[in-house]
Amino acid sequence: MYLYNFCIAVYALFIRLVAPFNRKARLWCEGRKGLTERLHKAIGDAEHIVWVHSSSLGEFEQGRPIVDYIRTYYPEYKILLTFFSPSGYEMRKNYPNADYVFYIPVDTRQRVRQFLDTVKPEVAIFVKNEFWLNMLAELRRRNIRTYLASAIFRRNSIFFNPVGDIWRKALCTFTTLFVQDEHSKELLSEIGVENVVVAGDTRFDRVSAIAEQAEKVEVIEQFKGDKRLFVAGSTWGPDEDILLPLINENPDIKFVIAPHEMDESRIERLLREVKGGAVRYTQLPSDFADKQVLVLDTIGLLSRVYGSAEWAYVGGGFGVGIHSTLEAAVYGMPVAFGTNYRKFREACDLIALGAGRSVRSAEELKAWFDELKNDKDYLTRLSALAKVYVGQHRGATEKIVRKIEL
């Protein structure tokens, strides 16, 4: 713990030092200024608080079904939502189903105690893999029920390492760990952690809710017309390298490309190198429906845009890891992605079913696409497999909240 506390202090100091030069670091610091006072002013003497913590935006989307379920079925509870990073907080600071939205404090003993003295949660829920050692220890000391939701464990993680004793002890502070699969439960059992329930992954509930409520995006429908549509979501440069040849070899197919980051040089490259013409969503000309590619240079639409497509490609697989394949698969379509996918159970499952394909090059992407483009029965069969797969894995949210017993 001495080493852990030292590292926390060094990390916080580093963030403060770089804050004048880095926007995210600056937001990280500013969001924690006067945190205790702002929490006290907002929460006051509120009772029956459920605290849900997500590290960032991706984890929030995983925990969002839990927040929404509690709001719908347990309206007597107040919901406090916290984030570690600015990417989550800035996007969801006005989330309507939460009563209070703040940053989690820096994980020092003093700040943790101030936070819990102010908030007084009845229940704490951490989403996926969040392990703040001082916070978890203090929650246990106060006998506050604490849960980990939609967690997944792998043998190469610190918990199963000979030097991971302090992290193994942290697992025992949770009232219950809700894990995604049996493999995670088996790994935890090997190290003596038995407070485990296999509940599944709440992301299946989230993408299913989006698909059920989503309306088609009118502009996308106009752009698509009577042709078939291929959507490439959350792409990075290496993804676009293998997509461009596919686009230029298939002038009869419409494409939507949604870059993960609005990098102007990459957007300009797409506009320049697409032979059939490309337009930006935010700068649509009157003849946009005649173009072959629409670059989705905005946020918040991608999950709905997938609903207009016949095929999908999900980016990130040539970097730190693929983005959400479930956002596409829920609509019933085969999905391709790069090579870094093995940490994502749903991608492995889709590959096993035949509804997913990992590609290493433009040639492999073309081979996958040609087979589906030229055989409509095959495309229909794989699309159905993807849709059924998502449907079969719904229900984790209800399992978790009912087990918590608010």
Protein backbone atom coordinates (compact mmCIF):
# COMPACT_ATOMS: atom_id res chain seq x y z
CA MET A 1 0.00 0.00 0.00
CA TYR A 2 2.93 2.36 0.57
CA LEU A 3 4.00 1.85 -3.01
CA TYR A 4 0.42 2.19 -4.26
CA ASN A 5 -0.13 5.45 -2.36
CA PHE A 6 3.18 6.79 -3.62
CA CYS A 7 2.22 5.99 -7.22
CA ILE A 8 -1.18 7.68 -6.79
CA ALA A 9 0.51 10.81 -5.45
CA VAL A 10 3.03 10.86 -8.30
CA TYR A 11 0.29 10.35 -10.88
CA ALA A 12 -1.80 13.21 -9.48
CA LEU A 13 1.25 15.48 -9.41
CA PHE A 14 2.12 14.62 -13.00
CA ILE A 15 -1.42 15.44 -14.16
CA ARG A 16 -1.24 18.83 -12.43
CA LEU A 17 2.13 19.58 -14.02
CA VAL A 18 0.95 18.85 -17.56
CA ALA A 19 -2.49 20.44 -17.12
CA PRO A 20 -1.44 23.86 -18.53
CA PHE A 21 -0.38 22.13 -21.76
CA ASN A 22 -2.95 19.35 -22.10
CA ARG A 23 -6.72 19.85 -22.32
CA LYS A 24 -7.69 16.46 -20.87
CA ALA A 25 -5.32 16.86 -17.94
CA ARG A 26 -6.67 20.36 -17.34
CA LEU A 27 -10.26 19.09 -17.28
CA TRP A 28 -9.19 16.24 -14.97
CA CYS A 29 -7.81 18.77 -12.46
CA GLU A 30 -10.55 21.37 -12.78
CA GLY A 31 -13.24 18.76 -12.31
CA ARG A 32 -11.80 17.82 -8.92
CA LYS A 33 -11.34 21.34 -7.54
CA GLY A 34 -13.55 21.86 -4.51
CA LEU A 35 -15.09 18.44 -5.10
CA THR A 36 -16.17 17.85 -1.49
CA GLU A 37 -17.84 21.24 -1.22
CA ARG A 38 -19.66 20.85 -4.54
CA LEU A 39 -20.81 17.36 -3.61
CA HIS A 40 -22.13 18.59 -0.26
CA LYS A 41 -23.97 21.46 -1.91
CA ALA A 42 -25.56 19.22 -4.53
CA ILE A 43 -26.42 16.20 -2.39
CA GLY A 44 -27.11 17.80 0.96
CA ASP A 45 -28.89 15.35 3.25
CA ALA A 46 -30.26 13.15 0.47
CA GLU A 47 -31.02 9.59 1.48
CA HIS A 48 -30.97 6.27 -0.36
CA ILE A 49 -28.09 6.99 -2.72
CA VAL A 50 -26.85 4.41 -5.20
CA TRP A 51 -23.39 5.27 -6.46
CA VAL A 52 -22.38 3.99 -9.91
CA HIS A 53 -18.80 4.56 -11.04
CA SER A 54 -17.43 4.24 -14.56
CA SER A 55 -13.87 4.95 -15.58
CA SER A 56 -14.67 6.51 -18.94
CA LEU A 57 -17.32 6.79 -21.64
CA GLY A 58 -16.98 3.19 -22.80
CA GLU A 59 -17.48 1.82 -19.30
CA PHE A 60 -20.41 4.18 -18.82
CA GLU A 61 -22.14 2.69 -21.86
CA GLN A 62 -21.61 -0.70 -20.23
CA GLY A 63 -23.04 0.51 -16.92
CA ARG A 64 -25.76 2.68 -18.40
CA PRO A 65 -28.38 -0.12 -18.50
CA ILE A 66 -27.93 -0.51 -14.73
CA VAL A 67 -28.46 3.22 -14.15
CA ASP A 68 -31.53 3.24 -16.38
CA TYR A 69 -32.97 0.11 -14.75
CA ILE A 70 -32.60 1.57 -11.26
CA ARG A 71 -34.16 4.85 -12.35
CA THR A 72 -37.17 3.01 -13.84
CA TYR A 73 -37.82 0.39 -11.18
CA TYR A 74 -36.43 2.02 -8.02
CA PRO A 75 -37.37 5.71 -8.31
CA GLU A 76 -37.06 6.19 -4.56
CA TYR A 77 -33.26 6.00 -4.91
CA LYS A 78 -31.03 8.91 -5.86
CA ILE A 79 -28.31 8.00 -8.36
CA LEU A 80 -24.79 9.40 -8.15
CA LEU A 81 -22.73 8.82 -11.28
CA THR A 82 -18.96 9.35 -11.20
CA PHE A 83 -16.18 9.18 -13.76
CA PHE A 84 -12.43 8.96 -13.58
CA SER A 85 -11.65 10.51 -16.96
CA PRO A 86 -12.84 13.66 -18.73
CA SER A 87 -13.94 11.72 -21.80
CA GLY A 88 -16.76 10.19 -19.80
CA TYR A 89 -17.61 13.13 -17.59
CA GLU A 90 -17.73 15.76 -20.32
CA MET A 91 -20.01 13.63 -22.49
CA ARG A 92 -22.39 12.58 -19.71
CA LYS A 93 -22.31 15.36 -17.10
CA ASN A 94 -25.94 16.17 -17.91
CA TYR A 95 -27.18 12.59 -18.11
CA PRO A 96 -30.88 12.82 -17.21
CA ASN A 97 -31.22 9.46 -15.46
CA ALA A 98 -28.60 10.39 -12.86
CA ASP A 99 -29.37 12.83 -10.06
CA TYR A 100 -25.74 13.83 -9.58
CA VAL A 101 -22.72 13.52 -11.90
CA PHE A 102 -19.18 14.17 -10.62
CA TYR A 103 -15.59 12.99 -10.90
CA ILE A 104 -14.37 10.32 -8.51
CA PRO A 105 -11.79 11.81 -6.12
CA VAL A 106 -8.10 10.98 -6.27
CA ASP A 107 -7.67 7.70 -4.42
CA THR A 108 -5.97 8.92 -1.26
CA ARG A 109 -7.24 7.97 2.19
CA GLN A 110 -8.15 11.52 3.13
CA ARG A 111 -10.05 12.30 -0.06
CA VAL A 112 -11.81 8.96 -0.04
CA ARG A 113 -13.04 9.51 3.50
CA GLN A 114 -14.22 13.03 2.68
CA PHE A 115 -16.08 11.69 -0.35
CA LEU A 116 -17.86 8.91 1.55
CA ASP A 117 -18.63 11.17 4.53
CA THR A 118 -20.42 13.49 2.09
CA VAL A 119 -22.13 11.00 -0.21
CA LYS A 120 -23.06 8.25 2.29
CA PRO A 121 -24.05 5.74 -0.42
CA GLU A 122 -26.13 2.72 0.50
CA VAL A 123 -24.73 0.81 -2.46
CA ALA A 124 -21.63 1.27 -4.63
CA ILE A 125 -21.41 -0.26 -8.11
CA PHE A 126 -18.15 -0.22 -10.07
CA VAL A 127 -18.37 -1.00 -13.78
CA LYS A 128 -16.09 -3.57 -15.41
CA ASN A 129 -12.50 -3.40 -14.05
CA GLU A 130 -12.18 -0.55 -11.55
CA PHE A 131 -10.04 -1.20 -8.48
CA TRP A 132 -9.23 1.85 -6.34
CA LEU A 133 -7.63 0.25 -3.30
CA ASN A 134 -8.19 2.99 -0.72
CA MET A 135 -11.78 3.47 -1.81
CA LEU A 136 -12.54 -0.25 -1.71
CA ALA A 137 -10.94 -0.63 1.71
CA GLU A 138 -12.94 2.28 3.13
CA LEU A 139 -16.18 1.03 1.63
CA ARG A 140 -15.61 -2.31 3.33
CA ARG A 141 -14.69 -0.67 6.64
CA ARG A 142 -18.02 1.18 6.55
CA ASN A 143 -19.96 -1.97 5.58
CA ILE A 144 -21.26 -0.36 2.40
CA ARG A 145 -22.40 -2.99 -0.07
CA THR A 146 -20.06 -2.84 -3.06
CA TYR A 147 -20.41 -4.59 -6.41
CA LEU A 148 -18.38 -5.03 -9.58
CA ALA A 149 -20.53 -5.26 -12.72
CA SER A 150 -19.76 -6.89 -16.09
CA ALA A 151 -16.21 -7.73 -15.12
CA ILE A 152 -14.01 -10.05 -17.11
CA PHE A 153 -10.75 -11.66 -15.95
CA ARG A 154 -7.86 -13.18 -17.86
CA ARG A 155 -5.03 -15.33 -16.59
CA ASN A 156 -2.35 -12.81 -17.53
CA SER A 157 -3.82 -10.06 -15.31
CA ILE A 158 -2.20 -8.84 -12.08
CA PHE A 159 -4.64 -10.79 -9.88
CA PHE A 160 -3.08 -14.11 -10.92
CA ASN A 161 0.50 -12.90 -10.71
CA PRO A 162 2.72 -13.89 -7.74
CA VAL A 163 3.17 -10.20 -6.86
CA GLY A 164 -0.56 -9.44 -7.05
CA ASP A 165 -1.48 -10.19 -3.44
CA ILE A 166 -2.75 -6.67 -2.71
CA TRP A 167 -5.01 -6.81 -5.75
CA ARG A 168 -6.32 -10.23 -4.81
CA LYS A 169 -7.27 -8.82 -1.41
CA ALA A 170 -9.13 -6.01 -3.16
CA LEU A 171 -11.38 -8.55 -4.85
CA CYS A 172 -12.53 -9.75 -1.45
CA THR A 173 -13.80 -6.26 -0.55
CA PHE A 174 -16.68 -6.63 -3.01
CA THR A 175 -19.98 -7.98 -1.79
CA THR A 176 -20.41 -9.67 -5.17
CA LEU A 177 -18.45 -9.68 -8.41
CA PHE A 178 -20.72 -10.01 -11.43
CA VAL A 179 -18.61 -11.47 -14.22
CA GLN A 180 -19.29 -11.93 -17.90
CA ASP A 181 -18.40 -15.61 -18.30
CA GLU A 182 -17.69 -18.92 -16.61
CA HIS A 183 -13.98 -18.67 -17.40
CA SER A 184 -13.69 -15.55 -15.23
CA LYS A 185 -15.46 -17.33 -12.38
CA GLU A 186 -13.15 -20.33 -12.67
CA LEU A 187 -10.04 -18.13 -12.60
CA LEU A 188 -11.26 -16.31 -9.50
CA SER A 189 -12.08 -19.61 -7.79
CA GLU A 190 -8.45 -20.71 -8.30
CA ILE A 191 -7.30 -17.83 -6.06
CA GLY A 192 -10.01 -18.37 -3.47
CA VAL A 193 -12.45 -15.66 -4.58
CA GLU A 194 -15.93 -17.18 -4.37
CA ASN A 195 -18.21 -14.13 -4.09
CA VAL A 196 -18.83 -14.38 -7.83
CA VAL A 197 -21.96 -14.55 -10.01
CA VAL A 198 -21.92 -15.13 -13.77
CA ALA A 199 -24.42 -12.52 -14.98
CA GLY A 200 -23.26 -11.77 -18.51
CA ASP A 201 -22.43 -8.50 -20.21
CA THR A 202 -24.74 -5.50 -19.87
CA ARG A 203 -23.55 -4.16 -23.24
CA PHE A 204 -25.92 -6.62 -24.93
CA ASP A 205 -28.81 -4.94 -23.12
CA ARG A 206 -27.54 -1.51 -24.09
CA VAL A 207 -27.14 -2.15 -27.81
CA SER A 208 -30.48 -3.96 -27.90
CA ALA A 209 -32.23 -0.98 -26.31
CA ILE A 210 -30.59 1.37 -28.82
CA ALA A 211 -31.68 -0.78 -31.76
CA GLU A 212 -35.25 -1.08 -30.49
CA GLN A 213 -35.63 2.66 -30.01
CA ALA A 214 -33.57 3.89 -32.95
CA GLU A 215 -35.12 5.60 -35.94
CA LYS A 216 -33.35 5.60 -39.28
CA VAL A 217 -31.24 8.68 -39.96
CA GLU A 218 -33.01 10.46 -42.82
CA VAL A 219 -29.83 11.80 -44.40
CA ILE A 220 -28.31 8.32 -44.45
CA GLU A 221 -31.42 6.87 -46.05
CA GLN A 222 -31.34 9.58 -48.71
CA PHE A 223 -27.66 8.94 -49.31
CA LYS A 224 -28.20 5.18 -49.57
CA GLY A 225 -31.14 5.41 -51.94
CA ASP A 226 -31.86 2.06 -53.60
CA LYS A 227 -28.30 0.78 -53.22
CA ARG A 228 -26.69 -1.36 -50.53
CA LEU A 229 -24.70 0.22 -47.72
CA PHE A 230 -21.43 -0.68 -45.98
CA VAL A 231 -20.72 1.13 -42.69
CA ALA A 232 -17.19 1.39 -41.30
CA GLY A 233 -17.34 2.62 -37.70
CA SER A 234 -14.71 4.04 -35.34
CA THR A 235 -11.94 3.81 -37.93
CA TRP A 236 -8.29 4.75 -37.55
CA GLY A 237 -5.68 5.36 -40.24
CA PRO A 238 -4.70 1.68 -40.74
CA ASP A 239 -8.36 0.75 -41.07
CA GLU A 240 -8.85 3.37 -43.76
CA ASP A 241 -5.77 2.06 -45.58
CA ILE A 242 -7.52 -1.25 -46.24
CA LEU A 243 -10.98 0.26 -46.75
CA LEU A 244 -10.03 2.63 -49.57
CA PRO A 245 -9.16 -0.12 -52.10
CA LEU A 246 -12.45 -1.87 -51.27
CA ILE A 247 -14.41 1.32 -51.82
CA ASN A 248 -12.78 2.10 -55.15
CA GLU A 249 -13.31 -1.47 -56.40
CA ASN A 250 -17.04 -1.41 -55.57
CA PRO A 251 -18.58 1.71 -57.15
CA ASP A 252 -22.07 0.15 -56.93
CA ILE A 253 -21.93 0.07 -53.09
CA LYS A 254 -22.46 3.07 -50.84
CA PHE A 255 -20.12 3.53 -47.86
CA VAL A 256 -20.35 5.47 -44.62
CA ILE A 257 -17.07 5.95 -42.78
CA ALA A 258 -17.14 7.20 -39.18
CA PRO A 259 -13.60 8.08 -38.00
CA HIS A 260 -12.93 7.47 -34.31
CA GLU A 261 -11.31 10.90 -34.08
CA MET A 262 -12.03 13.92 -36.26
CA ASP A 263 -8.54 14.10 -37.74
CA GLU A 264 -8.76 16.66 -40.54
CA SER A 265 -5.86 15.23 -42.50
CA ARG A 266 -7.49 11.78 -42.58
CA ILE A 267 -10.87 13.19 -43.53
CA GLU A 268 -9.25 15.19 -46.33
CA ARG A 269 -7.52 12.04 -47.51
CA LEU A 270 -10.84 10.20 -47.76
CA LEU A 271 -12.42 13.06 -49.67
CA ARG A 272 -9.45 13.14 -52.03
CA GLU A 273 -8.84 9.44 -52.71
CA VAL A 274 -12.37 8.08 -53.14
CA LYS A 275 -12.91 7.84 -56.89
CA GLY A 276 -16.70 7.82 -56.65
CA GLY A 277 -16.80 11.04 -54.66
CA ALA A 278 -17.00 11.63 -50.92
CA VAL A 279 -18.79 14.21 -48.76
CA ARG A 280 -18.78 15.19 -45.11
CA TYR A 281 -21.93 14.82 -43.06
CA THR A 282 -21.51 18.32 -41.64
CA GLN A 283 -20.99 19.91 -45.08
CA LEU A 284 -23.52 18.18 -47.35
CA PRO A 285 -23.88 19.61 -50.86
CA SER A 286 -27.18 19.44 -52.70
CA ASP A 287 -25.97 16.48 -54.79
CA PHE A 288 -24.70 14.41 -51.84
CA ALA A 289 -26.84 11.40 -52.80
CA ASP A 290 -24.77 11.02 -55.98
CA LYS A 291 -21.55 10.46 -54.01
CA GLN A 292 -20.23 7.04 -53.04
CA VAL A 293 -18.89 7.81 -49.56
CA LEU A 294 -20.30 9.84 -46.70
CA VAL A 295 -17.80 10.68 -43.94
CA LEU A 296 -19.64 10.84 -40.62
CA ASP A 297 -17.66 13.70 -39.08
CA THR A 298 -19.89 14.01 -36.03
CA ILE A 299 -20.60 12.01 -32.89
CA GLY A 300 -23.71 10.32 -31.54
CA LEU A 301 -25.13 8.90 -34.78
CA LEU A 302 -23.05 5.82 -35.52
CA SER A 303 -25.16 3.34 -33.52
CA ARG A 304 -28.23 4.41 -35.53
CA VAL A 305 -26.43 4.51 -38.86
CA TYR A 306 -25.55 0.81 -38.55
CA GLY A 307 -29.28 0.14 -38.81
CA SER A 308 -29.26 1.13 -42.49
CA ALA A 309 -26.37 -1.15 -43.49
CA GLU A 310 -25.91 -4.65 -44.90
CA TRP A 311 -22.26 -5.03 -43.86
CA ALA A 312 -20.06 -3.45 -41.21
CA TYR A 313 -16.40 -2.96 -40.44
CA VAL A 314 -15.33 -1.93 -36.93
CA GLY A 315 -12.05 -0.08 -36.47
CA GLY A 316 -9.30 -0.18 -33.87
CA GLY A 317 -8.08 -3.69 -34.61
CA PHE A 318 -4.69 -2.52 -35.83
CA GLY A 319 -4.12 -0.52 -32.64
CA VAL A 320 -5.03 -0.97 -28.98
CA GLY A 321 -8.11 -3.04 -29.80
CA ILE A 322 -11.35 -3.08 -31.73
CA HIS A 323 -14.29 -0.88 -30.81
CA SER A 324 -17.84 -2.17 -30.30
CA THR A 325 -18.85 -4.91 -32.73
CA LEU A 326 -22.14 -5.31 -30.87
CA GLU A 327 -23.39 -1.91 -32.07
CA ALA A 328 -23.41 -3.35 -35.59
CA ALA A 329 -24.23 -7.00 -34.90
CA VAL A 330 -27.45 -6.12 -33.05
CA TYR A 331 -28.99 -5.02 -36.34
CA GLY A 332 -28.18 -8.35 -37.94
CA MET A 333 -25.16 -8.04 -40.20
CA PRO A 334 -21.74 -9.69 -40.58
CA VAL A 335 -18.86 -7.67 -39.13
CA ALA A 336 -15.18 -7.47 -40.11
CA PHE A 337 -12.36 -6.01 -38.02
CA GLY A 338 -8.60 -6.02 -37.63
CA THR A 339 -6.33 -8.45 -35.83
CA ASN A 340 -6.34 -7.13 -32.25
CA TYR A 341 -9.68 -8.59 -31.12
CA ARG A 342 -8.87 -11.50 -28.78
CA LYS A 343 -9.61 -9.58 -25.58
CA PHE A 344 -13.18 -9.08 -26.76
CA ARG A 345 -15.31 -12.13 -26.12
CA GLU A 346 -18.11 -11.06 -28.44
CA ALA A 347 -15.69 -10.73 -31.37
CA CYS A 348 -14.37 -14.23 -30.74
CA ASP A 349 -17.93 -15.53 -30.51
CA LEU A 350 -18.94 -13.85 -33.77
CA ILE A 351 -15.93 -15.39 -35.51
CA ALA A 352 -16.85 -18.83 -34.18
CA LEU A 353 -20.37 -18.38 -35.53
CA GLY A 354 -19.10 -17.18 -38.89
CA ALA A 355 -20.73 -13.76 -38.46
CA GLY A 356 -17.41 -12.06 -37.69
CA ARG A 357 -14.13 -12.01 -39.58
CA SER A 358 -10.69 -10.76 -38.62
CA VAL A 359 -8.75 -9.41 -41.60
CA ARG A 360 -5.07 -8.55 -41.90
CA SER A 361 -5.01 -6.73 -45.22
CA ALA A 362 -7.00 -5.08 -47.99
CA GLU A 363 -6.91 -8.39 -49.86
CA GLU A 364 -8.47 -10.31 -46.98
CA LEU A 365 -11.13 -7.64 -46.52
CA LYS A 366 -11.95 -7.80 -50.24
CA ALA A 367 -12.21 -11.60 -50.17
CA TRP A 368 -14.60 -11.50 -47.20
CA PHE A 369 -16.73 -8.80 -48.76
CA ASP A 370 -16.87 -10.34 -52.24
CA GLU A 371 -18.18 -13.61 -50.84
CA LEU A 372 -21.01 -11.83 -49.02
CA LYS A 373 -21.77 -9.38 -51.79
CA ASN A 374 -22.18 -12.10 -54.41
CA ASP A 375 -24.16 -14.61 -52.35
CA LYS A 376 -27.31 -13.06 -50.89
CA ASP A 377 -28.41 -16.28 -49.20
CA TYR A 378 -25.07 -16.54 -47.42
CA LEU A 379 -25.32 -12.90 -46.36
CA THR A 380 -28.83 -13.46 -45.03
CA ARG A 381 -27.75 -16.52 -43.06
CA LEU A 382 -24.79 -14.80 -41.39
CA SER A 383 -26.85 -11.70 -40.67
CA ALA A 384 -29.42 -13.82 -38.86
CA LEU A 385 -26.70 -15.51 -36.80
CA ALA A 386 -25.39 -12.12 -35.64
CA LYS A 387 -28.84 -10.91 -34.61
CA VAL A 388 -29.73 -14.11 -32.76
CA TYR A 389 -26.38 -14.08 -30.96
CA VAL A 390 -27.02 -10.64 -29.49
CA GLY A 391 -30.57 -11.53 -28.53
CA GLN A 392 -29.49 -14.68 -26.70
CA HIS A 393 -27.10 -12.73 -24.46
CA ARG A 394 -29.51 -10.12 -23.17
CA GLY A 395 -30.61 -9.99 -19.54
CA ALA A 396 -27.45 -9.24 -17.54
CA THR A 397 -28.81 -5.93 -16.23
CA GLU A 398 -31.87 -7.48 -14.60
CA LYS A 399 -29.80 -10.31 -13.10
CA ILE A 400 -27.39 -7.82 -11.51
CA VAL A 401 -29.92 -5.36 -10.10
CA ARG A 402 -32.19 -8.11 -8.74
CA LYS A 403 -29.24 -9.76 -7.02
CA ILE A 404 -28.22 -6.46 -5.46
CA GLU A 405 -31.70 -6.23 -3.89
CA LEU A 406 -32.22 -2.51 -3.50
